[in-house]
Amino acid sequence: MISLSELFQGKEPTYAQLKSVKIEKITRATFLYMDPQAPKDEFAQCGTCVHWIEGQDLCELHRPRDHIDDDDSCCLYVHGKPAGGTPESLVTPQESGLVSRQVRCMNCIFFDPDTEPRKHCDLYTQLNRMMPAVFDLDRYVNEHGCCNAQTPGKRNPKVFGPIGPIPGPQDQESA
C-alpha cells in the first residue's frame, strides 16, 4: 500500500488532491459482525465454537492454564461443533479478547430494537453519519448476532458524548 506522502511525492497535498483520493469504505466486516446460527441463545459463546474443548473448560487456541467456560466468548470465535483437541498456546486471553459475558447484540449498549421499524446498531449508525467517506456499515443487525464492538449494557444514546447522537436526515425533518 502506498502512503499519502509517497502518493504526492513528499509535497503537502492540496485539499483538491486529497479529495480526489478514493479509499475503500470500511464495512461491518471490520467489526467481525456475524449473523446468528443455531442455537441462537448460545451463539457466539465458547460452547458453540469449534475450538472449545468440551468437558475440559479449555480452548485449542489458548493456553492449558486458561480456564474457559462454555458461556465465555472471544474475537476468534468460529461457529460449529467443538472438535476437541489440545490447547496450543497460540494466544492469551488478552490477545483474543476473551470475556465472560453474553456477547450478542441484544446485550449491547448500542443495540436499538425500538426506535425504527428494523433493529439496528447505534454505533454503526453514528459512524456512518460522522464519517460517511470512511464508513459504509450495514447498520441493521439481528438481536442474536454479535460483533467485536459489543459493549455490555442497555441502550443509552448518551454514550455518544457531549454531542449526543448525530441526527440523520429523517430526524432533522421531524425537528
N, C-alpha and C. Protein backbone atom coordinates (compact mmCIF):
# COMPACT_ATOMS: atom_id res chain seq x y z
N MET A 1 0.84 -1.17 0.00
CA MET A 1 0.00 0.00 0.00
C MET A 1 0.89 1.23 0.00
N ILE A 2 0.51 2.22 -0.74
CA ILE A 2 1.28 3.45 -0.85
C ILE A 2 0.77 4.48 0.15
N SER A 3 1.70 5.21 0.78
CA SER A 3 1.29 6.23 1.74
C SER A 3 0.92 7.51 1.00
N LEU A 4 0.21 8.38 1.70
CA LEU A 4 -0.17 9.65 1.07
C LEU A 4 1.06 10.49 0.71
N SER A 5 2.11 10.45 1.57
CA SER A 5 3.31 11.23 1.27
C SER A 5 3.99 10.71 0.01
N GLU A 6 4.00 9.38 -0.19
CA GLU A 6 4.56 8.81 -1.42
C GLU A 6 3.70 9.16 -2.62
N LEU A 7 2.38 9.15 -2.41
CA LEU A 7 1.46 9.46 -3.49
C LEU A 7 1.69 10.87 -4.01
N PHE A 8 1.98 11.79 -3.11
CA PHE A 8 2.18 13.18 -3.50
C PHE A 8 3.65 13.57 -3.50
N GLN A 9 4.55 12.59 -3.54
CA GLN A 9 6.00 12.73 -3.67
C GLN A 9 6.59 13.68 -2.63
N GLY A 10 6.15 13.49 -1.37
CA GLY A 10 6.72 14.25 -0.27
C GLY A 10 6.23 15.66 -0.15
N LYS A 11 5.41 16.14 -1.07
CA LYS A 11 4.87 17.50 -1.00
C LYS A 11 3.55 17.48 -0.25
N GLU A 12 3.24 18.58 0.40
CA GLU A 12 1.97 18.71 1.10
C GLU A 12 0.85 18.69 0.07
N PRO A 13 -0.08 17.71 0.17
CA PRO A 13 -1.17 17.66 -0.81
C PRO A 13 -2.16 18.79 -0.62
N THR A 14 -2.75 19.20 -1.70
CA THR A 14 -3.81 20.21 -1.62
C THR A 14 -5.11 19.53 -1.23
N TYR A 15 -6.07 20.33 -0.82
CA TYR A 15 -7.39 19.80 -0.47
C TYR A 15 -7.99 19.08 -1.67
N ALA A 16 -7.85 19.65 -2.85
CA ALA A 16 -8.41 19.04 -4.07
C ALA A 16 -7.76 17.68 -4.33
N GLN A 17 -6.45 17.57 -4.12
CA GLN A 17 -5.77 16.30 -4.32
C GLN A 17 -6.26 15.25 -3.31
N LEU A 18 -6.38 15.66 -2.05
CA LEU A 18 -6.86 14.73 -1.02
C LEU A 18 -8.29 14.29 -1.31
N LYS A 19 -9.09 15.22 -1.77
CA LYS A 19 -10.49 14.91 -2.07
C LYS A 19 -10.60 13.91 -3.22
N SER A 20 -9.62 13.92 -4.10
CA SER A 20 -9.67 13.03 -5.25
C SER A 20 -9.21 11.61 -4.94
N VAL A 21 -8.58 11.40 -3.77
CA VAL A 21 -8.12 10.08 -3.39
C VAL A 21 -9.33 9.22 -3.01
N LYS A 22 -9.46 8.11 -3.65
CA LYS A 22 -10.57 7.20 -3.37
C LYS A 22 -10.07 6.09 -2.45
N ILE A 23 -10.80 5.87 -1.38
CA ILE A 23 -10.47 4.77 -0.48
C ILE A 23 -11.65 3.81 -0.42
N GLU A 24 -11.33 2.57 -0.13
CA GLU A 24 -12.39 1.60 0.05
C GLU A 24 -13.02 1.85 1.42
N LYS A 25 -14.33 1.98 1.43
CA LYS A 25 -15.01 2.26 2.68
C LYS A 25 -14.97 1.04 3.60
N ILE A 26 -14.96 1.32 4.88
CA ILE A 26 -14.93 0.28 5.90
C ILE A 26 -16.34 -0.27 6.08
N THR A 27 -16.48 -1.59 6.01
CA THR A 27 -17.77 -2.24 6.20
C THR A 27 -17.82 -2.86 7.59
N ARG A 28 -18.96 -3.41 7.94
CA ARG A 28 -19.07 -4.00 9.28
C ARG A 28 -18.27 -5.30 9.40
N ALA A 29 -17.72 -5.81 8.31
CA ALA A 29 -16.82 -6.96 8.40
C ALA A 29 -15.61 -6.61 9.28
N THR A 30 -15.23 -5.34 9.30
CA THR A 30 -14.13 -4.88 10.14
C THR A 30 -14.42 -5.18 11.62
N PHE A 31 -15.70 -5.14 11.98
CA PHE A 31 -16.10 -5.42 13.36
C PHE A 31 -16.40 -6.90 13.59
N LEU A 32 -16.15 -7.74 12.58
CA LEU A 32 -16.40 -9.17 12.64
C LEU A 32 -17.85 -9.48 12.99
N TYR A 33 -18.79 -8.67 12.45
CA TYR A 33 -20.21 -8.94 12.71
C TYR A 33 -20.59 -10.29 12.13
N MET A 34 -21.33 -11.07 12.92
CA MET A 34 -21.82 -12.37 12.47
C MET A 34 -23.31 -12.47 12.76
N ASP A 35 -24.08 -12.88 11.74
CA ASP A 35 -25.48 -13.22 11.97
C ASP A 35 -25.52 -14.52 12.74
N PRO A 36 -26.57 -14.73 13.54
CA PRO A 36 -26.61 -15.91 14.40
C PRO A 36 -26.84 -17.21 13.65
N GLN A 37 -26.38 -18.26 14.27
CA GLN A 37 -26.65 -19.63 13.84
C GLN A 37 -27.17 -20.38 15.06
N ALA A 38 -27.87 -21.45 14.82
CA ALA A 38 -28.45 -22.22 15.92
C ALA A 38 -27.36 -22.92 16.73
N PRO A 39 -27.55 -23.01 18.03
CA PRO A 39 -28.65 -22.48 18.82
C PRO A 39 -28.46 -20.99 19.10
N LYS A 40 -29.46 -20.18 18.72
CA LYS A 40 -29.33 -18.72 18.80
C LYS A 40 -29.03 -18.21 20.20
N ASP A 41 -29.59 -18.84 21.23
CA ASP A 41 -29.36 -18.36 22.60
C ASP A 41 -27.96 -18.68 23.11
N GLU A 42 -27.20 -19.47 22.37
CA GLU A 42 -25.83 -19.80 22.75
C GLU A 42 -24.83 -19.33 21.70
N PHE A 43 -25.32 -18.69 20.64
CA PHE A 43 -24.45 -18.25 19.55
C PHE A 43 -23.38 -17.30 20.07
N ALA A 44 -22.19 -17.47 19.54
CA ALA A 44 -21.01 -16.64 19.83
C ALA A 44 -20.42 -16.90 21.22
N GLN A 45 -20.86 -17.93 21.88
CA GLN A 45 -20.28 -18.31 23.18
C GLN A 45 -19.38 -19.53 22.93
N CYS A 46 -18.39 -19.70 23.76
CA CYS A 46 -17.37 -20.74 23.56
C CYS A 46 -17.95 -22.14 23.39
N GLY A 47 -19.05 -22.44 24.05
CA GLY A 47 -19.64 -23.77 23.96
C GLY A 47 -20.11 -24.15 22.56
N THR A 48 -20.25 -23.15 21.66
CA THR A 48 -20.65 -23.43 20.28
C THR A 48 -19.53 -23.09 19.29
N CYS A 49 -18.30 -23.09 19.78
CA CYS A 49 -17.13 -22.77 18.94
C CYS A 49 -16.35 -24.05 18.65
N VAL A 50 -15.85 -24.15 17.43
CA VAL A 50 -15.08 -25.34 17.04
C VAL A 50 -13.78 -25.50 17.84
N HIS A 51 -13.31 -24.44 18.46
CA HIS A 51 -12.04 -24.50 19.19
C HIS A 51 -12.20 -24.88 20.66
N TRP A 52 -13.43 -24.90 21.16
CA TRP A 52 -13.64 -25.21 22.57
C TRP A 52 -13.44 -26.70 22.82
N ILE A 53 -12.79 -27.05 23.91
CA ILE A 53 -12.56 -28.45 24.26
C ILE A 53 -13.60 -28.82 25.31
N GLU A 54 -14.63 -29.46 24.82
CA GLU A 54 -15.80 -29.79 25.64
C GLU A 54 -15.41 -30.70 26.81
N GLY A 55 -15.99 -30.40 27.98
CA GLY A 55 -15.74 -31.21 29.16
C GLY A 55 -14.46 -30.88 29.90
N GLN A 56 -13.61 -30.03 29.34
CA GLN A 56 -12.35 -29.69 29.99
C GLN A 56 -12.23 -28.20 30.31
N ASP A 57 -13.20 -27.39 29.84
CA ASP A 57 -13.15 -25.93 30.02
C ASP A 57 -11.83 -25.35 29.52
N LEU A 58 -11.46 -25.78 28.32
CA LEU A 58 -10.24 -25.31 27.66
C LEU A 58 -10.55 -24.97 26.21
N CYS A 59 -9.59 -24.32 25.55
CA CYS A 59 -9.72 -23.94 24.15
C CYS A 59 -8.45 -24.33 23.41
N GLU A 60 -8.62 -24.79 22.19
CA GLU A 60 -7.46 -25.17 21.38
C GLU A 60 -6.50 -24.01 21.14
N LEU A 61 -7.00 -22.79 21.10
CA LEU A 61 -6.17 -21.63 20.78
C LEU A 61 -5.45 -21.04 21.98
N HIS A 62 -6.02 -21.23 23.17
CA HIS A 62 -5.46 -20.65 24.39
C HIS A 62 -4.49 -21.60 25.07
N ARG A 63 -3.98 -21.15 26.22
CA ARG A 63 -3.01 -21.93 26.98
C ARG A 63 -3.72 -22.94 27.88
N PRO A 64 -3.04 -24.01 28.25
CA PRO A 64 -3.66 -25.01 29.14
C PRO A 64 -4.11 -24.43 30.48
N ARG A 65 -3.46 -23.37 30.94
CA ARG A 65 -3.82 -22.78 32.23
C ARG A 65 -4.99 -21.79 32.14
N ASP A 66 -5.47 -21.51 30.93
CA ASP A 66 -6.58 -20.56 30.75
C ASP A 66 -7.91 -21.30 30.87
N HIS A 67 -8.61 -21.07 31.98
CA HIS A 67 -9.92 -21.70 32.20
C HIS A 67 -10.95 -20.96 31.33
N ILE A 68 -11.63 -21.71 30.49
CA ILE A 68 -12.60 -21.12 29.56
C ILE A 68 -13.94 -21.83 29.72
N ASP A 69 -14.94 -21.08 30.18
CA ASP A 69 -16.29 -21.64 30.34
C ASP A 69 -17.02 -21.65 29.01
N ASP A 70 -18.04 -22.50 28.93
CA ASP A 70 -18.83 -22.58 27.69
C ASP A 70 -19.60 -21.30 27.40
N ASP A 71 -19.81 -20.44 28.43
CA ASP A 71 -20.53 -19.19 28.19
C ASP A 71 -19.59 -17.99 28.07
N ASP A 72 -18.28 -18.22 27.94
CA ASP A 72 -17.32 -17.15 27.64
C ASP A 72 -17.36 -16.90 26.12
N SER A 73 -16.62 -15.90 25.67
CA SER A 73 -16.54 -15.61 24.24
C SER A 73 -15.25 -14.86 23.94
N CYS A 74 -14.79 -14.97 22.70
CA CYS A 74 -13.63 -14.18 22.28
C CYS A 74 -13.77 -13.82 20.80
N CYS A 75 -12.88 -12.98 20.32
CA CYS A 75 -12.93 -12.50 18.93
C CYS A 75 -12.45 -13.53 17.92
N LEU A 76 -12.05 -14.71 18.38
CA LEU A 76 -11.59 -15.76 17.48
C LEU A 76 -12.64 -16.86 17.33
N TYR A 77 -13.86 -16.54 17.71
CA TYR A 77 -14.97 -17.49 17.66
C TYR A 77 -15.23 -17.96 16.23
N VAL A 78 -15.38 -19.29 16.08
CA VAL A 78 -15.78 -19.90 14.81
C VAL A 78 -16.92 -20.85 15.13
N HIS A 79 -18.09 -20.58 14.60
CA HIS A 79 -19.27 -21.37 14.93
C HIS A 79 -19.12 -22.82 14.45
N GLY A 80 -19.53 -23.73 15.31
CA GLY A 80 -19.52 -25.14 14.94
C GLY A 80 -19.45 -26.03 16.15
N LYS A 81 -19.53 -27.32 15.91
CA LYS A 81 -19.46 -28.29 16.99
C LYS A 81 -18.02 -28.34 17.50
N PRO A 82 -17.84 -28.24 18.84
CA PRO A 82 -16.48 -28.36 19.38
C PRO A 82 -15.81 -29.65 18.90
N ALA A 83 -14.61 -29.52 18.36
CA ALA A 83 -13.93 -30.66 17.75
C ALA A 83 -13.01 -31.39 18.72
N GLY A 84 -12.76 -30.78 19.87
CA GLY A 84 -11.80 -31.40 20.79
C GLY A 84 -10.40 -30.95 20.45
N GLY A 85 -9.43 -31.67 20.89
CA GLY A 85 -8.05 -31.28 20.62
C GLY A 85 -7.33 -30.93 21.91
N THR A 86 -6.21 -30.24 21.76
CA THR A 86 -5.42 -29.84 22.92
C THR A 86 -5.10 -28.35 22.83
N PRO A 87 -4.91 -27.70 23.98
CA PRO A 87 -4.55 -26.28 23.96
C PRO A 87 -3.18 -26.09 23.30
N GLU A 88 -3.11 -25.17 22.34
CA GLU A 88 -1.88 -24.94 21.57
C GLU A 88 -1.10 -23.70 22.01
N SER A 89 -1.64 -22.93 22.96
CA SER A 89 -0.96 -21.72 23.48
C SER A 89 -0.65 -20.72 22.37
N LEU A 90 -1.58 -20.54 21.45
CA LEU A 90 -1.37 -19.61 20.34
C LEU A 90 -1.68 -18.17 20.72
N VAL A 91 -2.59 -17.98 21.69
CA VAL A 91 -2.97 -16.63 22.13
C VAL A 91 -3.23 -16.62 23.63
N THR A 92 -3.13 -15.43 24.20
CA THR A 92 -3.52 -15.23 25.60
C THR A 92 -4.97 -14.74 25.61
N PRO A 93 -5.64 -14.79 26.76
CA PRO A 93 -6.99 -14.23 26.84
C PRO A 93 -7.04 -12.75 26.43
N GLN A 94 -6.01 -12.00 26.75
CA GLN A 94 -5.98 -10.59 26.38
C GLN A 94 -5.90 -10.43 24.86
N GLU A 95 -5.08 -11.23 24.21
CA GLU A 95 -4.92 -11.14 22.75
C GLU A 95 -6.19 -11.54 22.01
N SER A 96 -6.92 -12.51 22.54
CA SER A 96 -8.13 -12.97 21.86
C SER A 96 -9.36 -12.15 22.22
N GLY A 97 -9.25 -11.29 23.22
CA GLY A 97 -10.41 -10.52 23.66
C GLY A 97 -11.39 -11.35 24.47
N LEU A 98 -10.90 -12.35 25.18
CA LEU A 98 -11.77 -13.24 25.94
C LEU A 98 -12.56 -12.47 27.00
N VAL A 99 -13.86 -12.70 27.02
CA VAL A 99 -14.74 -12.09 28.01
C VAL A 99 -15.67 -13.17 28.59
N SER A 100 -16.15 -12.90 29.78
CA SER A 100 -17.09 -13.81 30.44
C SER A 100 -18.45 -13.12 30.52
N ARG A 101 -19.12 -13.04 29.38
CA ARG A 101 -20.45 -12.43 29.32
C ARG A 101 -21.14 -12.85 28.03
N GLN A 102 -22.41 -12.58 27.97
CA GLN A 102 -23.20 -12.83 26.77
C GLN A 102 -22.90 -11.70 25.77
N VAL A 103 -22.44 -12.04 24.58
CA VAL A 103 -21.95 -11.03 23.64
C VAL A 103 -22.88 -10.73 22.47
N ARG A 104 -24.09 -11.23 22.50
CA ARG A 104 -24.99 -10.98 21.38
C ARG A 104 -25.50 -9.54 21.41
N CYS A 105 -25.95 -9.05 20.26
CA CYS A 105 -26.42 -7.67 20.13
C CYS A 105 -27.44 -7.29 21.19
N MET A 106 -28.35 -8.20 21.53
CA MET A 106 -29.41 -7.91 22.50
C MET A 106 -28.86 -7.50 23.86
N ASN A 107 -27.58 -7.79 24.12
CA ASN A 107 -26.95 -7.46 25.40
C ASN A 107 -26.00 -6.28 25.27
N CYS A 108 -26.10 -5.53 24.19
CA CYS A 108 -25.14 -4.45 23.90
C CYS A 108 -25.78 -3.07 24.09
N ILE A 109 -25.00 -2.15 24.57
CA ILE A 109 -25.45 -0.78 24.81
C ILE A 109 -25.81 -0.06 23.50
N PHE A 110 -25.31 -0.53 22.37
CA PHE A 110 -25.58 0.11 21.08
C PHE A 110 -26.78 -0.48 20.34
N PHE A 111 -27.34 -1.57 20.83
CA PHE A 111 -28.44 -2.23 20.15
C PHE A 111 -29.74 -1.46 20.35
N ASP A 112 -30.41 -1.14 19.23
CA ASP A 112 -31.66 -0.39 19.27
C ASP A 112 -32.77 -1.20 18.60
N PRO A 113 -33.61 -1.83 19.42
CA PRO A 113 -34.70 -2.62 18.84
C PRO A 113 -36.01 -1.85 18.68
N ASP A 114 -36.06 -0.58 19.15
CA ASP A 114 -37.35 0.08 19.29
C ASP A 114 -37.60 1.35 18.48
N THR A 115 -36.58 2.14 18.15
CA THR A 115 -36.84 3.48 17.61
C THR A 115 -37.12 3.51 16.11
N GLU A 116 -36.94 2.40 15.43
CA GLU A 116 -37.21 2.30 13.99
C GLU A 116 -37.91 0.97 13.72
N PRO A 117 -38.48 0.81 12.53
CA PRO A 117 -39.13 -0.48 12.22
C PRO A 117 -38.17 -1.66 12.25
N ARG A 118 -36.88 -1.45 11.95
CA ARG A 118 -35.90 -2.54 11.94
C ARG A 118 -34.89 -2.37 13.07
N LYS A 119 -34.49 -3.48 13.67
CA LYS A 119 -33.48 -3.47 14.73
C LYS A 119 -32.15 -3.06 14.11
N HIS A 120 -31.43 -2.18 14.82
CA HIS A 120 -30.18 -1.68 14.27
C HIS A 120 -29.16 -1.38 15.37
N CYS A 121 -27.96 -1.08 14.93
CA CYS A 121 -26.85 -0.76 15.83
C CYS A 121 -26.61 0.74 15.81
N ASP A 122 -26.73 1.37 16.98
CA ASP A 122 -26.49 2.80 17.09
C ASP A 122 -25.03 3.16 16.77
N LEU A 123 -24.10 2.30 17.14
CA LEU A 123 -22.68 2.58 16.85
C LEU A 123 -22.46 2.64 15.34
N TYR A 124 -22.95 1.65 14.61
CA TYR A 124 -22.79 1.64 13.16
C TYR A 124 -23.47 2.87 12.54
N THR A 125 -24.65 3.21 13.04
CA THR A 125 -25.39 4.38 12.54
C THR A 125 -24.56 5.64 12.73
N GLN A 126 -24.02 5.83 13.93
CA GLN A 126 -23.27 7.06 14.22
C GLN A 126 -21.97 7.13 13.43
N LEU A 127 -21.27 6.02 13.27
CA LEU A 127 -20.04 6.04 12.48
C LEU A 127 -20.34 6.40 11.03
N ASN A 128 -21.41 5.85 10.47
CA ASN A 128 -21.82 6.21 9.11
C ASN A 128 -22.09 7.70 9.00
N ARG A 129 -22.77 8.27 9.99
CA ARG A 129 -23.13 9.69 9.96
C ARG A 129 -21.92 10.59 10.20
N MET A 130 -21.02 10.20 11.10
CA MET A 130 -19.87 11.04 11.42
C MET A 130 -18.82 11.04 10.32
N MET A 131 -18.63 9.88 9.68
CA MET A 131 -17.57 9.76 8.67
C MET A 131 -18.08 9.00 7.45
N PRO A 132 -19.00 9.60 6.70
CA PRO A 132 -19.57 8.89 5.55
C PRO A 132 -18.56 8.56 4.45
N ALA A 133 -17.46 9.28 4.40
CA ALA A 133 -16.43 8.98 3.40
C ALA A 133 -15.59 7.77 3.81
N VAL A 134 -15.68 7.38 5.07
CA VAL A 134 -14.86 6.30 5.59
C VAL A 134 -15.67 5.03 5.82
N PHE A 135 -16.89 5.19 6.38
CA PHE A 135 -17.69 4.03 6.78
C PHE A 135 -18.90 3.80 5.88
N ASP A 136 -19.16 2.55 5.58
CA ASP A 136 -20.37 2.11 4.90
C ASP A 136 -20.83 0.84 5.61
N LEU A 137 -21.34 1.03 6.82
CA LEU A 137 -21.70 -0.09 7.68
C LEU A 137 -23.17 -0.43 7.52
N ASP A 138 -23.47 -1.67 7.22
CA ASP A 138 -24.85 -2.13 7.23
C ASP A 138 -25.27 -2.07 8.70
N ARG A 139 -26.14 -1.17 9.04
CA ARG A 139 -26.47 -0.93 10.44
C ARG A 139 -27.56 -1.84 10.98
N TYR A 140 -28.22 -2.60 10.11
CA TYR A 140 -29.28 -3.50 10.56
C TYR A 140 -28.68 -4.80 11.05
N VAL A 141 -29.03 -5.16 12.27
CA VAL A 141 -28.45 -6.33 12.92
C VAL A 141 -29.55 -7.24 13.47
N ASN A 142 -29.17 -8.45 13.75
CA ASN A 142 -30.07 -9.41 14.38
C ASN A 142 -29.80 -9.38 15.88
N GLU A 143 -30.83 -9.43 16.68
CA GLU A 143 -30.63 -9.37 18.14
C GLU A 143 -29.75 -10.49 18.67
N HIS A 144 -29.68 -11.61 17.95
CA HIS A 144 -28.83 -12.73 18.36
C HIS A 144 -27.47 -12.72 17.66
N GLY A 145 -27.23 -11.72 16.81
CA GLY A 145 -25.93 -11.57 16.16
C GLY A 145 -24.91 -11.01 17.13
N CYS A 146 -23.69 -10.83 16.66
CA CYS A 146 -22.66 -10.25 17.53
C CYS A 146 -21.54 -9.64 16.69
N CYS A 147 -20.76 -8.77 17.33
CA CYS A 147 -19.55 -8.22 16.70
C CYS A 147 -18.54 -7.93 17.80
N ASN A 148 -17.33 -7.58 17.41
CA ASN A 148 -16.30 -7.35 18.42
C ASN A 148 -16.35 -5.96 19.05
N ALA A 149 -17.35 -5.16 18.70
CA ALA A 149 -17.56 -3.88 19.38
C ALA A 149 -18.62 -4.01 20.48
N GLN A 150 -19.09 -5.23 20.71
CA GLN A 150 -20.15 -5.46 21.70
C GLN A 150 -19.72 -4.89 23.04
N THR A 151 -20.61 -4.06 23.59
CA THR A 151 -20.36 -3.41 24.87
C THR A 151 -21.55 -3.70 25.77
N PRO A 152 -21.33 -4.34 26.91
CA PRO A 152 -22.48 -4.75 27.72
C PRO A 152 -23.28 -3.56 28.25
N GLY A 153 -24.59 -3.77 28.35
CA GLY A 153 -25.46 -2.76 28.91
C GLY A 153 -26.74 -2.61 28.11
N LYS A 154 -27.61 -1.77 28.60
CA LYS A 154 -28.86 -1.44 27.91
C LYS A 154 -28.63 -0.19 27.08
N ARG A 155 -29.39 -0.05 26.00
CA ARG A 155 -29.25 1.08 25.08
C ARG A 155 -29.26 2.40 25.83
N ASN A 156 -28.30 3.26 25.46
CA ASN A 156 -28.20 4.57 26.06
C ASN A 156 -27.59 5.52 25.03
N PRO A 157 -28.43 6.34 24.36
CA PRO A 157 -27.90 7.26 23.34
C PRO A 157 -26.86 8.24 23.88
N LYS A 158 -26.81 8.46 25.19
CA LYS A 158 -25.85 9.40 25.77
C LYS A 158 -24.41 8.92 25.67
N VAL A 159 -24.19 7.64 25.31
CA VAL A 159 -22.81 7.15 25.20
C VAL A 159 -22.05 7.86 24.09
N PHE A 160 -22.75 8.60 23.24
CA PHE A 160 -22.06 9.28 22.15
C PHE A 160 -21.51 10.63 22.57
N GLY A 161 -21.39 10.86 23.87
CA GLY A 161 -20.66 12.01 24.39
C GLY A 161 -21.43 13.31 24.37
N PRO A 162 -20.68 14.40 24.46
CA PRO A 162 -21.32 15.71 24.62
C PRO A 162 -22.19 16.12 23.43
N ILE A 163 -21.90 15.57 22.25
CA ILE A 163 -22.73 15.95 21.10
C ILE A 163 -23.97 15.08 20.98
N GLY A 164 -24.01 13.98 21.74
CA GLY A 164 -25.16 13.08 21.68
C GLY A 164 -25.24 12.41 20.33
N PRO A 165 -26.34 11.69 20.09
CA PRO A 165 -26.49 11.06 18.79
C PRO A 165 -26.57 12.11 17.69
N ILE A 166 -25.88 11.88 16.61
CA ILE A 166 -25.93 12.79 15.46
C ILE A 166 -27.20 12.49 14.69
N PRO A 167 -28.07 13.49 14.52
CA PRO A 167 -29.34 13.22 13.82
C PRO A 167 -29.12 12.91 12.35
N GLY A 168 -29.94 12.03 11.83
CA GLY A 168 -29.94 11.72 10.41
C GLY A 168 -30.95 12.58 9.70
N PRO A 169 -31.03 12.49 8.38
CA PRO A 169 -31.98 13.31 7.61
C PRO A 169 -33.41 13.17 8.11
N GLN A 170 -33.84 11.95 8.43
CA GLN A 170 -35.22 11.75 8.88
C GLN A 170 -35.44 12.43 10.24
N ASP A 171 -34.40 12.52 11.08
CA ASP A 171 -34.52 13.17 12.37
C ASP A 171 -34.65 14.68 12.22
N GLN A 172 -33.93 15.25 11.23
CA GLN A 172 -33.96 16.69 11.01
C GLN A 172 -35.29 17.16 10.44
N GLU A 173 -35.92 16.30 9.65
CA GLU A 173 -37.22 16.65 9.07
C GLU A 173 -38.29 16.78 10.14
N SER A 174 -38.20 15.95 11.19
CA SER A 174 -39.22 15.98 12.23
C SER A 174 -38.95 17.04 13.29
N ALA A 175 -37.77 17.67 13.25
CA ALA A 175 -37.42 18.67 14.26
C ALA A 175 -38.01 20.02 13.94
